[in-house]
């Protein structure tokens, strides 16, 4: 997995839980710029996870807003679990 910084204690606890319970997951650290723009580039490990788990295939997606795909997502923080939508867009 690609990490930009060491995990804090809560992240380590969550990571161990997911691994111990055989939960498939991918992770992303959102930078201040990504948070401000609400746009994130998917990394190679993320793209592979999406493809291997039947979530999204960037290779089959055409470019442009008219071909965007919307998928359900769950964001875990230290205080809550938020249901959200993720938009997959090929630019």
N, C-alpha and C. Protein backbone atom coordinates (compact mmCIF):
# COMPACT_ATOMS: atom_id res chain seq x y z
N UNK A 1 0.83 -1.17 0.00
CA UNK A 1 0.00 0.00 0.00
C UNK A 1 0.88 1.24 0.00
N UNK A 2 0.40 2.27 -0.62
CA UNK A 2 1.15 3.51 -0.71
C UNK A 2 0.73 4.41 0.45
N UNK A 3 1.69 4.83 1.24
CA UNK A 3 1.40 5.70 2.38
C UNK A 3 2.25 6.95 2.29
N UNK A 4 1.63 8.08 2.56
CA UNK A 4 2.36 9.34 2.53
C UNK A 4 2.90 9.71 3.90
N UNK A 5 2.37 9.11 4.94
CA UNK A 5 2.79 9.40 6.31
C UNK A 5 2.54 8.17 7.16
N UNK A 6 3.16 8.10 8.33
CA UNK A 6 2.88 6.96 9.21
C UNK A 6 1.42 6.99 9.69
N UNK A 7 0.87 5.82 9.94
CA UNK A 7 -0.49 5.73 10.47
C UNK A 7 -0.52 6.20 11.92
N UNK A 8 -1.63 6.84 12.30
CA UNK A 8 -1.81 7.16 13.72
C UNK A 8 -2.39 5.93 14.41
N UNK A 9 -2.57 6.00 15.72
CA UNK A 9 -3.01 4.81 16.47
C UNK A 9 -4.39 4.33 16.04
N UNK A 10 -5.31 5.24 15.75
CA UNK A 10 -6.64 4.83 15.29
C UNK A 10 -6.57 4.16 13.93
N UNK A 11 -5.77 4.70 13.04
CA UNK A 11 -5.63 4.10 11.71
C UNK A 11 -5.03 2.71 11.80
N UNK A 12 -4.04 2.53 12.66
CA UNK A 12 -3.45 1.21 12.86
C UNK A 12 -4.48 0.22 13.41
N UNK A 13 -5.28 0.68 14.36
CA UNK A 13 -6.33 -0.16 14.93
C UNK A 13 -7.33 -0.56 13.84
N UNK A 14 -7.76 0.40 13.03
CA UNK A 14 -8.71 0.11 11.95
C UNK A 14 -8.11 -0.83 10.91
N UNK A 15 -6.86 -0.61 10.56
CA UNK A 15 -6.18 -1.45 9.59
C UNK A 15 -6.11 -2.90 10.09
N UNK A 16 -5.73 -3.07 11.33
CA UNK A 16 -5.66 -4.42 11.91
C UNK A 16 -7.04 -5.08 11.92
N UNK A 17 -8.07 -4.32 12.25
CA UNK A 17 -9.43 -4.86 12.26
C UNK A 17 -9.83 -5.35 10.87
N UNK A 18 -9.62 -4.52 9.87
CA UNK A 18 -9.99 -4.89 8.50
C UNK A 18 -9.24 -6.14 8.04
N UNK A 19 -7.96 -6.18 8.32
CA UNK A 19 -7.14 -7.33 7.92
C UNK A 19 -7.57 -8.59 8.67
N UNK A 20 -7.77 -8.47 9.98
CA UNK A 20 -8.17 -9.63 10.79
C UNK A 20 -9.54 -10.18 10.42
N UNK A 21 -10.39 -9.34 9.85
CA UNK A 21 -11.73 -9.76 9.46
C UNK A 21 -11.86 -9.99 7.95
N UNK A 22 -10.71 -10.05 7.27
CA UNK A 22 -10.67 -10.32 5.83
C UNK A 22 -11.55 -9.40 5.01
N UNK A 23 -11.57 -8.12 5.39
CA UNK A 23 -12.35 -7.12 4.66
C UNK A 23 -11.48 -6.57 3.54
N UNK A 24 -12.01 -6.60 2.33
CA UNK A 24 -11.28 -6.01 1.20
C UNK A 24 -11.44 -4.50 1.27
N UNK A 25 -10.34 -3.79 1.09
CA UNK A 25 -10.40 -2.33 1.17
C UNK A 25 -9.25 -1.72 0.40
N UNK A 26 -9.40 -0.45 0.13
CA UNK A 26 -8.29 0.35 -0.38
C UNK A 26 -8.29 1.62 0.45
N UNK A 27 -7.20 2.31 0.42
CA UNK A 27 -7.09 3.51 1.24
C UNK A 27 -6.54 4.67 0.43
N UNK A 28 -6.85 5.85 0.91
CA UNK A 28 -6.34 7.06 0.27
C UNK A 28 -6.13 8.10 1.36
N UNK A 29 -5.05 8.82 1.25
CA UNK A 29 -4.83 9.96 2.13
C UNK A 29 -5.14 11.20 1.32
N UNK A 30 -6.13 11.93 1.75
CA UNK A 30 -6.56 13.12 1.01
C UNK A 30 -5.67 14.29 1.41
N UNK A 31 -5.07 14.91 0.41
CA UNK A 31 -4.22 16.07 0.65
C UNK A 31 -5.09 17.32 0.81
N UNK A 32 -4.55 18.39 1.38
CA UNK A 32 -5.34 19.63 1.48
C UNK A 32 -5.85 20.11 0.12
N UNK A 33 -5.05 19.98 -0.93
CA UNK A 33 -5.48 20.39 -2.26
C UNK A 33 -6.63 19.52 -2.75
N UNK A 34 -6.51 18.21 -2.57
CA UNK A 34 -7.58 17.31 -2.98
C UNK A 34 -8.86 17.58 -2.23
N UNK A 35 -8.74 17.88 -0.94
CA UNK A 35 -9.90 18.19 -0.12
C UNK A 35 -10.55 19.49 -0.59
N UNK A 36 -9.73 20.48 -0.88
CA UNK A 36 -10.24 21.78 -1.34
C UNK A 36 -10.96 21.66 -2.68
N UNK A 37 -10.37 20.91 -3.60
CA UNK A 37 -10.94 20.78 -4.95
C UNK A 37 -11.97 19.66 -5.06
N UNK A 38 -12.02 18.79 -4.06
CA UNK A 38 -12.91 17.60 -4.08
C UNK A 38 -12.61 16.71 -5.28
N UNK A 39 -11.35 16.68 -5.69
CA UNK A 39 -10.93 15.84 -6.81
C UNK A 39 -9.68 15.07 -6.39
N UNK A 40 -9.71 13.76 -6.59
CA UNK A 40 -8.57 12.93 -6.26
C UNK A 40 -8.18 12.10 -7.47
N UNK A 41 -6.91 11.98 -7.71
CA UNK A 41 -6.43 11.07 -8.75
C UNK A 41 -6.31 9.68 -8.14
N UNK A 42 -6.81 8.69 -8.84
CA UNK A 42 -6.67 7.33 -8.31
C UNK A 42 -5.25 6.83 -8.58
N UNK A 43 -4.69 6.18 -7.59
CA UNK A 43 -3.35 5.62 -7.72
C UNK A 43 -3.44 4.26 -8.40
N UNK A 44 -2.32 3.75 -8.84
CA UNK A 44 -2.31 2.42 -9.47
C UNK A 44 -2.87 1.35 -8.54
N UNK A 45 -2.51 1.34 -7.23
CA UNK A 45 -3.11 0.33 -6.35
C UNK A 45 -4.63 0.49 -6.23
N UNK A 46 -5.11 1.72 -6.22
CA UNK A 46 -6.57 1.94 -6.16
C UNK A 46 -7.25 1.42 -7.42
N UNK A 47 -6.68 1.73 -8.57
CA UNK A 47 -7.27 1.27 -9.84
C UNK A 47 -7.31 -0.25 -9.88
N UNK A 48 -6.23 -0.88 -9.42
CA UNK A 48 -6.18 -2.35 -9.40
C UNK A 48 -7.23 -2.91 -8.46
N UNK A 49 -7.39 -2.30 -7.28
CA UNK A 49 -8.40 -2.74 -6.32
C UNK A 49 -9.80 -2.63 -6.93
N UNK A 50 -10.10 -1.49 -7.54
CA UNK A 50 -11.42 -1.29 -8.15
C UNK A 50 -11.68 -2.33 -9.23
N UNK A 51 -10.69 -2.60 -10.07
CA UNK A 51 -10.84 -3.56 -11.15
C UNK A 51 -11.01 -4.98 -10.61
N UNK A 52 -10.12 -5.38 -9.70
CA UNK A 52 -10.15 -6.75 -9.16
C UNK A 52 -11.43 -7.06 -8.38
N UNK A 53 -12.06 -6.04 -7.84
CA UNK A 53 -13.26 -6.24 -7.03
C UNK A 53 -14.55 -5.85 -7.76
N UNK A 54 -14.44 -5.64 -9.07
CA UNK A 54 -15.62 -5.36 -9.88
C UNK A 54 -16.29 -4.03 -9.56
N UNK A 55 -15.54 -3.09 -9.03
CA UNK A 55 -16.12 -1.80 -8.67
C UNK A 55 -16.10 -0.85 -9.85
N UNK A 56 -14.95 -0.77 -10.52
CA UNK A 56 -14.83 0.15 -11.66
C UNK A 56 -13.66 -0.27 -12.54
N UNK A 57 -13.83 -0.10 -13.85
CA UNK A 57 -12.77 -0.42 -14.80
C UNK A 57 -12.47 0.83 -15.61
N UNK A 58 -11.38 1.50 -15.26
CA UNK A 58 -11.00 2.71 -15.98
C UNK A 58 -10.66 2.41 -17.44
N UNK A 59 -10.18 1.20 -17.71
CA UNK A 59 -9.80 0.83 -19.07
C UNK A 59 -10.97 0.80 -20.04
N UNK A 60 -12.17 0.57 -19.53
CA UNK A 60 -13.36 0.53 -20.38
C UNK A 60 -14.13 1.85 -20.39
N UNK A 61 -13.73 2.79 -19.56
CA UNK A 61 -14.46 4.05 -19.45
C UNK A 61 -13.97 5.06 -20.48
N UNK A 62 -14.91 5.69 -21.16
CA UNK A 62 -14.56 6.74 -22.10
C UNK A 62 -14.32 8.04 -21.34
N UNK A 63 -13.65 8.98 -22.00
CA UNK A 63 -13.33 10.25 -21.37
C UNK A 63 -14.53 11.20 -21.39
N UNK A 64 -14.56 12.10 -20.41
CA UNK A 64 -15.55 13.16 -20.39
C UNK A 64 -16.62 13.00 -19.34
N UNK A 65 -17.20 14.14 -18.97
CA UNK A 65 -18.26 14.18 -17.95
C UNK A 65 -19.44 13.29 -18.28
N UNK A 66 -19.77 13.19 -19.57
CA UNK A 66 -20.94 12.40 -19.96
C UNK A 66 -20.74 10.90 -19.72
N UNK A 67 -19.51 10.49 -19.44
CA UNK A 67 -19.22 9.07 -19.20
C UNK A 67 -18.84 8.79 -17.74
N UNK A 68 -19.09 9.76 -16.87
CA UNK A 68 -18.72 9.56 -15.46
C UNK A 68 -19.57 8.43 -14.86
N UNK A 69 -19.00 7.76 -13.88
CA UNK A 69 -19.69 6.68 -13.17
C UNK A 69 -19.76 7.07 -11.70
N UNK A 70 -20.91 6.83 -11.08
CA UNK A 70 -21.10 7.16 -9.67
C UNK A 70 -21.27 5.87 -8.89
N UNK A 71 -20.49 5.73 -7.82
CA UNK A 71 -20.53 4.53 -6.98
C UNK A 71 -20.70 4.94 -5.52
N UNK A 72 -21.34 4.09 -4.74
CA UNK A 72 -21.48 4.33 -3.31
C UNK A 72 -20.13 4.14 -2.63
N UNK A 73 -19.89 4.93 -1.59
CA UNK A 73 -18.64 4.84 -0.83
C UNK A 73 -18.94 5.05 0.64
N UNK A 74 -18.03 4.58 1.47
CA UNK A 74 -18.11 4.82 2.91
C UNK A 74 -16.79 5.44 3.33
N UNK A 75 -16.88 6.56 4.01
CA UNK A 75 -15.70 7.24 4.52
C UNK A 75 -15.66 7.05 6.03
N UNK A 76 -14.55 6.48 6.50
CA UNK A 76 -14.38 6.25 7.94
C UNK A 76 -13.45 7.31 8.51
N UNK A 77 -13.91 7.97 9.56
CA UNK A 77 -13.06 8.92 10.27
C UNK A 77 -12.92 8.44 11.71
N UNK A 78 -12.23 9.21 12.51
CA UNK A 78 -12.07 8.80 13.91
C UNK A 78 -13.35 8.96 14.72
N UNK A 79 -14.35 9.65 14.18
CA UNK A 79 -15.59 9.87 14.94
C UNK A 79 -16.85 9.36 14.25
N UNK A 80 -16.78 9.03 12.98
CA UNK A 80 -18.02 8.63 12.31
C UNK A 80 -17.77 7.81 11.05
N UNK A 81 -18.86 7.27 10.55
CA UNK A 81 -18.87 6.56 9.27
C UNK A 81 -19.85 7.32 8.37
N UNK A 82 -19.37 7.85 7.24
CA UNK A 82 -20.21 8.64 6.35
C UNK A 82 -20.46 7.89 5.05
N UNK A 83 -21.72 7.77 4.71
CA UNK A 83 -22.07 7.23 3.39
C UNK A 83 -21.94 8.37 2.40
N UNK A 84 -21.40 8.07 1.25
CA UNK A 84 -21.09 9.10 0.28
C UNK A 84 -21.20 8.51 -1.12
N UNK A 85 -21.02 9.35 -2.11
CA UNK A 85 -20.92 8.89 -3.50
C UNK A 85 -19.55 9.27 -4.02
N UNK A 86 -18.96 8.39 -4.78
CA UNK A 86 -17.69 8.67 -5.45
C UNK A 86 -17.95 8.70 -6.94
N UNK A 87 -17.42 9.71 -7.59
CA UNK A 87 -17.57 9.84 -9.03
C UNK A 87 -16.26 9.42 -9.67
N UNK A 88 -16.33 8.50 -10.60
CA UNK A 88 -15.17 8.01 -11.34
C UNK A 88 -15.22 8.65 -12.72
N UNK A 89 -14.16 9.35 -13.07
CA UNK A 89 -14.13 10.10 -14.32
C UNK A 89 -12.79 9.90 -15.00
N UNK A 90 -12.83 9.62 -16.27
CA UNK A 90 -11.62 9.47 -17.07
C UNK A 90 -11.37 10.81 -17.76
N UNK A 91 -10.20 11.41 -17.48
CA UNK A 91 -9.91 12.72 -18.08
C UNK A 91 -8.82 12.62 -19.10
